[in-house]
Amino acid sequence: MTGLTIIIASADAARFRAAMTTALAQAALGGSVRLYCHEASVALLARAPRDDDDGPGLAAAGLPDRPALIAMAQAAGIALIACQTGLALTGVTLEALAEGVEAGGMVSLLATLGADRLVSF
């Protein structure tokens, strides 16, 4: 199966949920997935709660919140990559992000794209 590389281009929580849902669906189908958070979107990979987290509302609908989606992605073997420039721009440290998130750059992401499909949110 062709792999999937996803770029999250903004710190929008709804786009992050859609990207994570797409990534998890690809992984469930047996495909490889890399999810790259570009610039300010690196903050979406943070361990700490965010003002735009809607845990109670999502739980009431039976849906996972942002930290649960990250945990599900990690369990599914999805590579989570934080933009190095984004870390510098936001002042977020790699240690503040969810365990297992790796730092990377756009050039290396594209250089290793191979036959992966590329999607951006």
Protein backbone atom coordinates (compact mmCIF):
# COMPACT_ATOMS: atom_id res chain seq x y z
CA MET A 1 0.00 0.00 0.00
CA THR A 2 1.21 3.48 -0.81
CA GLY A 3 2.23 5.49 2.25
CA LEU A 4 0.73 8.79 3.29
CA THR A 5 2.53 11.94 4.42
CA ILE A 6 0.34 14.61 5.99
CA ILE A 7 1.34 18.24 6.54
CA ILE A 8 -0.63 20.23 9.10
CA ALA A 9 -0.14 23.87 8.08
CA SER A 10 -1.96 25.72 10.85
CA ALA A 11 -2.66 25.44 14.56
CA ASP A 12 -6.38 24.94 13.91
CA ALA A 13 -7.81 22.23 16.20
CA ALA A 14 -10.49 21.13 13.70
CA ARG A 15 -7.94 20.66 10.91
CA PHE A 16 -5.72 18.73 13.33
CA ARG A 17 -8.64 16.38 14.15
CA ALA A 18 -9.33 15.85 10.44
CA ALA A 19 -5.65 15.16 9.75
CA MET A 20 -5.40 12.73 12.67
CA THR A 21 -8.58 10.96 11.56
CA THR A 22 -7.14 10.59 8.06
CA ALA A 23 -3.84 9.33 9.45
CA LEU A 24 -5.55 6.78 11.69
CA ALA A 25 -7.73 5.56 8.83
CA GLN A 26 -4.64 5.04 6.63
CA ALA A 27 -2.89 3.16 9.43
CA ALA A 28 -5.99 1.00 9.99
CA LEU A 29 -5.83 0.04 6.31
CA GLY A 30 -2.24 -1.09 6.79
CA GLY A 31 -0.47 1.88 5.24
CA SER A 32 2.45 3.82 6.63
CA VAL A 33 1.80 7.38 7.80
CA ARG A 34 3.92 10.39 8.68
CA LEU A 35 2.25 13.45 10.18
CA TYR A 36 4.29 16.67 10.03
CA CYS A 37 3.20 19.70 12.06
CA HIS A 38 4.47 22.84 10.31
CA GLU A 39 5.44 26.03 12.13
CA ALA A 40 2.78 27.08 14.71
CA SER A 41 0.95 23.76 14.44
CA VAL A 42 3.72 22.11 16.51
CA ALA A 43 1.81 23.34 19.57
CA LEU A 44 -0.94 20.83 18.74
CA LEU A 45 1.46 18.04 19.71
CA ALA A 46 1.96 19.47 23.22
CA ARG A 47 1.34 17.37 26.31
CA ALA A 48 -0.24 20.31 28.13
CA PRO A 49 -3.93 21.17 27.71
CA ARG A 50 -4.80 23.88 25.21
CA ASP A 51 -7.54 26.50 25.36
CA ASP A 52 -9.14 25.03 22.23
CA ASP A 53 -9.24 21.46 23.59
CA ASP A 54 -12.85 20.32 23.82
CA GLY A 55 -12.42 17.16 25.85
CA PRO A 56 -15.81 17.20 27.62
CA GLY A 57 -17.76 17.99 24.45
CA LEU A 58 -15.96 15.31 22.49
CA ALA A 59 -16.32 12.76 25.28
CA ALA A 60 -20.06 13.42 25.39
CA ALA A 61 -20.18 12.52 21.70
CA GLY A 62 -18.01 9.43 22.24
CA LEU A 63 -15.02 10.94 20.44
CA PRO A 64 -11.37 11.05 21.52
CA ASP A 65 -9.83 14.38 22.50
CA ARG A 66 -6.53 15.74 21.16
CA PRO A 67 -4.27 13.88 23.64
CA ALA A 68 -6.18 10.65 22.99
CA LEU A 69 -5.79 11.07 19.22
CA ILE A 70 -2.05 11.54 19.69
CA ALA A 71 -1.89 8.39 21.82
CA MET A 72 -3.92 6.47 19.24
CA ALA A 73 -1.57 7.65 16.47
CA GLN A 74 1.46 6.55 18.44
CA ALA A 75 -0.09 3.15 19.13
CA ALA A 76 -0.82 2.79 15.39
CA GLY A 77 2.81 3.47 14.50
CA ILE A 78 2.21 6.87 12.93
CA ALA A 79 5.37 8.99 12.84
CA LEU A 80 4.71 12.37 14.49
CA ILE A 81 7.13 15.07 13.35
CA ALA A 82 7.43 18.62 14.71
CA CYS A 83 8.83 21.31 12.43
CA GLN A 84 12.21 22.47 13.73
CA THR A 85 11.50 26.03 12.59
CA GLY A 86 8.12 25.88 14.31
CA LEU A 87 9.74 24.84 17.57
CA ALA A 88 12.04 27.85 17.34
CA LEU A 89 9.23 30.24 16.33
CA THR A 90 6.87 29.18 19.10
CA GLY A 91 9.44 28.63 21.81
CA VAL A 92 8.00 25.15 22.39
CA THR A 93 10.61 22.57 23.34
CA LEU A 94 10.66 19.05 22.03
CA GLU A 95 10.37 17.88 25.65
CA ALA A 96 7.03 19.73 25.98
CA LEU A 97 5.55 17.66 23.17
CA ALA A 98 3.98 14.24 23.43
CA GLU A 99 6.43 11.43 24.01
CA GLY A 100 7.88 10.04 20.80
CA VAL A 101 7.46 13.17 18.68
CA GLU A 102 10.54 13.77 16.56
CA ALA A 103 11.89 17.06 15.24
CA GLY A 104 12.32 17.39 11.49
CA GLY A 105 12.33 19.80 8.60
CA MET A 106 10.36 20.25 5.42
CA VAL A 107 13.37 19.54 3.21
CA SER A 108 14.05 16.16 4.83
CA LEU A 109 10.33 15.35 4.81
CA LEU A 110 10.10 15.93 1.06
CA ALA A 111 13.48 14.32 0.36
CA THR A 112 12.19 11.08 1.90
CA LEU A 113 8.69 11.28 0.40
CA GLY A 114 9.34 8.48 -2.09
CA ALA A 115 6.04 7.12 -3.41
CA ASP A 116 3.98 8.48 -0.49
CA ARG A 117 0.88 10.49 -1.23
CA LEU A 118 1.15 14.04 0.16
CA VAL A 119 -1.85 15.72 1.80
CA SER A 120 -2.02 19.02 3.65
CA PHE A 121 -4.55 20.27 6.18
